[in-house]
Amino acid sequence: MSREYAKAVGARLRAIRIQQGLSLQGVEQKSRGRWKTAAVGSYERGDRMISVHQLSELAGFYGVPVSALLPNEDQLPPRERRPRTVLNLEKLAEAPPDSSALVRRWVAQIQRQRDDYAGHVLSIRDGDVRALALLHDTTPQEFAERLRTWGVLETSFPEEHEPPE
């Protein structure tokens, strides 16, 4: 759970507690010490992560469904707009066979894992680029440049976000 998400969950926890007319001390008293003032306060500030089990128990204590303690999408902080790394598989098929063989085998394995054989593109993680660069005895930047030279590397933004200007 990210710190931002923990803060959003904490805001929901605080809102539910206040709706029920309870102070932090009131929660500790009503729960007969099960929920300590310091712990609940830390959850509400997002300073301390709450486990799913604890969240479920706290929802039970408040008499609300767990979903009431989870933030709505519009209450979440905006996600960092990071570009997705996308490989153009049609261009990869045209890349120099000797130097692209390892990448092709790697892509074929990913397609098997994802059960996706008809795709024309493949989204990959930053860690994938680092791993492939390591296998090619180069830096991630140099490997990305090699993919760009082949016309294989595309960068796009997730559909729900516009690229930053």
Protein backbone atom coordinates (compact mmCIF):
# COMPACT_ATOMS: atom_id res chain seq x y z
CA MET A 1 0.00 0.00 0.00
CA SER A 2 1.45 3.38 -0.95
CA ARG A 3 1.65 6.18 1.57
CA GLU A 4 -0.90 8.18 -0.44
CA TYR A 5 -3.35 5.29 -0.39
CA ALA A 6 -2.77 4.80 3.35
CA LYS A 7 -3.64 8.48 3.86
CA ALA A 8 -6.81 8.08 1.79
CA VAL A 9 -7.82 5.01 3.85
CA GLY A 10 -7.00 6.99 7.00
CA ALA A 11 -9.28 9.81 5.91
CA ARG A 12 -12.13 7.28 5.49
CA LEU A 13 -11.38 5.78 8.92
CA ARG A 14 -11.49 9.24 10.50
CA ALA A 15 -14.72 10.15 8.71
CA ILE A 16 -16.47 6.96 9.90
CA ARG A 17 -15.24 7.47 13.47
CA ILE A 18 -16.45 11.06 13.51
CA GLN A 19 -19.82 10.09 11.97
CA GLN A 20 -20.24 7.73 14.90
CA GLY A 21 -19.50 10.51 17.35
CA LEU A 22 -16.36 8.88 18.71
CA SER A 23 -13.09 10.47 19.72
CA LEU A 24 -9.89 8.46 19.48
CA GLN A 25 -10.10 7.90 23.24
CA GLY A 26 -13.75 6.91 22.80
CA VAL A 27 -12.70 4.18 20.34
CA GLU A 28 -10.24 2.79 22.88
CA GLN A 29 -12.83 2.89 25.65
CA LYS A 30 -15.68 1.42 23.58
CA SER A 31 -13.40 -1.36 22.27
CA ARG A 32 -12.21 -2.10 25.83
CA GLY A 33 -8.62 -1.46 24.77
CA ARG A 34 -8.71 -3.56 21.60
CA TRP A 35 -8.14 -0.42 19.50
CA LYS A 36 -5.51 1.81 21.10
CA THR A 37 -5.73 5.57 20.64
CA ALA A 38 -2.20 5.80 19.23
CA ALA A 39 -2.73 2.98 16.72
CA VAL A 40 -6.05 4.27 15.38
CA GLY A 41 -4.61 7.79 15.16
CA SER A 42 -1.62 6.47 13.22
CA TYR A 43 -3.92 4.63 10.81
CA GLU A 44 -6.01 7.77 10.32
CA ARG A 45 -2.95 9.91 9.57
CA GLY A 46 -1.58 7.29 7.19
CA ASP A 47 1.59 7.04 9.30
CA ARG A 48 1.02 3.35 9.92
CA MET A 49 -0.17 0.75 7.44
CA ILE A 50 -3.26 -1.21 8.40
CA SER A 51 -3.48 -4.87 7.43
CA VAL A 52 -6.49 -6.26 5.62
CA HIS A 53 -7.31 -8.33 8.71
CA GLN A 54 -7.16 -5.29 10.99
CA LEU A 55 -9.21 -3.25 8.54
CA SER A 56 -11.85 -5.98 8.53
CA GLU A 57 -11.92 -6.07 12.33
CA LEU A 58 -12.15 -2.29 12.56
CA ALA A 59 -15.02 -2.31 10.06
CA GLY A 60 -16.76 -4.85 12.28
CA PHE A 61 -16.14 -2.68 15.33
CA TYR A 62 -17.66 0.34 13.56
CA GLY A 63 -20.49 -1.82 12.19
CA VAL A 64 -19.82 -0.90 8.57
CA PRO A 65 -18.81 -2.94 5.52
CA VAL A 66 -15.08 -2.96 4.75
CA SER A 67 -15.85 -1.11 1.51
CA ALA A 68 -17.01 1.87 3.61
CA LEU A 69 -13.44 2.20 4.90
CA LEU A 70 -11.90 2.19 1.44
CA PRO A 71 -11.58 5.44 -0.48
CA ASN A 72 -13.58 6.06 -3.63
CA GLU A 73 -11.59 6.54 -6.83
CA ASP A 74 -12.17 10.32 -6.71
CA GLN A 75 -10.73 10.44 -3.17
CA LEU A 76 -7.42 8.92 -4.23
CA PRO A 77 -4.43 11.09 -5.07
CA PRO A 78 -3.72 11.28 -8.80
CA ARG A 79 -1.37 8.56 -9.95
CA GLU A 80 2.04 9.51 -11.09
CA ARG A 81 1.87 9.76 -14.83
CA ARG A 82 4.62 7.43 -15.91
CA PRO A 83 4.84 6.33 -19.49
CA ARG A 84 4.31 2.68 -20.27
CA THR A 85 7.07 0.95 -22.19
CA VAL A 86 5.61 -0.83 -25.18
CA LEU A 87 7.34 -3.13 -27.67
CA ASN A 88 6.08 -3.17 -31.25
CA LEU A 89 6.10 -6.90 -32.01
CA GLU A 90 5.74 -6.44 -35.76
CA LYS A 91 8.91 -4.32 -35.80
CA LEU A 92 10.65 -6.86 -33.55
CA ALA A 93 9.98 -9.52 -36.20
CA GLU A 94 11.89 -7.30 -38.66
CA ALA A 95 14.82 -6.62 -36.30
CA PRO A 96 18.26 -8.15 -37.03
CA PRO A 97 17.83 -11.86 -36.18
CA ASP A 98 21.22 -12.36 -34.53
CA SER A 99 20.96 -9.48 -32.08
CA SER A 100 17.20 -9.74 -31.43
CA ALA A 101 16.95 -13.51 -30.86
CA LEU A 102 17.08 -13.27 -27.07
CA VAL A 103 14.43 -10.55 -26.99
CA ARG A 104 12.20 -12.62 -29.31
CA ARG A 105 12.49 -15.67 -27.03
CA TRP A 106 11.73 -13.51 -24.00
CA VAL A 107 8.67 -11.99 -25.73
CA ALA A 108 7.45 -15.48 -26.73
CA GLN A 109 7.69 -16.59 -23.09
CA ILE A 110 5.77 -13.53 -21.87
CA GLN A 111 3.08 -14.16 -24.49
CA ARG A 112 2.74 -17.76 -23.27
CA GLN A 113 2.45 -16.60 -19.66
CA ARG A 114 -0.18 -14.01 -20.58
CA ASP A 115 -1.90 -16.34 -23.05
CA ASP A 116 -1.66 -13.49 -25.58
CA TYR A 117 -0.53 -14.61 -29.01
CA ALA A 118 -2.44 -12.16 -31.20
CA GLY A 119 -0.98 -8.97 -29.79
CA HIS A 120 0.83 -6.51 -31.98
CA VAL A 121 2.39 -4.81 -28.97
CA LEU A 122 3.62 -5.91 -25.57
CA SER A 123 3.66 -3.65 -22.49
CA ILE A 124 6.67 -4.22 -20.27
CA ARG A 125 7.91 -2.96 -16.94
CA ASP A 126 11.03 -0.92 -16.24
CA GLY A 127 12.46 -3.99 -14.51
CA ASP A 128 12.03 -5.98 -17.72
CA VAL A 129 14.15 -3.46 -19.62
CA ARG A 130 16.82 -3.65 -16.90
CA ALA A 131 16.82 -7.47 -17.02
CA LEU A 132 17.05 -7.56 -20.82
CA ALA A 133 19.86 -5.00 -20.75
CA LEU A 134 21.75 -7.13 -18.25
CA LEU A 135 21.34 -10.18 -20.48
CA HIS A 136 22.70 -8.12 -23.39
CA ASP A 137 25.63 -6.87 -21.25
CA THR A 138 24.63 -3.24 -21.60
CA THR A 139 22.92 -0.47 -19.63
CA PRO A 140 19.14 -0.04 -19.71
CA GLN A 141 19.60 3.26 -21.54
CA GLU A 142 21.82 1.70 -24.20
CA PHE A 143 19.47 -1.25 -24.58
CA ALA A 144 16.45 1.06 -24.93
CA GLU A 145 18.35 2.97 -27.61
CA ARG A 146 19.00 -0.32 -29.43
CA LEU A 147 15.27 -1.08 -29.35
CA ARG A 148 14.52 2.42 -30.66
CA THR A 149 17.01 1.90 -33.50
CA TRP A 150 15.15 -1.28 -34.48
CA GLY A 151 11.87 0.68 -34.31
CA VAL A 152 10.64 -1.68 -31.58
CA LEU A 153 10.39 0.63 -28.59
CA GLU A 154 7.26 2.72 -28.21
CA THR A 155 6.34 4.76 -25.19
CA SER A 156 2.73 5.52 -24.43
CA PHE A 157 0.73 6.72 -21.47
CA PRO A 158 -1.95 4.74 -19.69
CA GLU A 159 -5.34 5.30 -21.30
CA GLU A 160 -6.85 7.00 -18.26
CA HIS A 161 -4.20 9.75 -18.31
CA GLU A 162 -3.12 12.31 -20.79
CA PRO A 163 0.63 12.80 -21.24
CA PRO A 164 2.12 15.69 -19.29
CA GLU A 165 2.64 18.84 -21.30
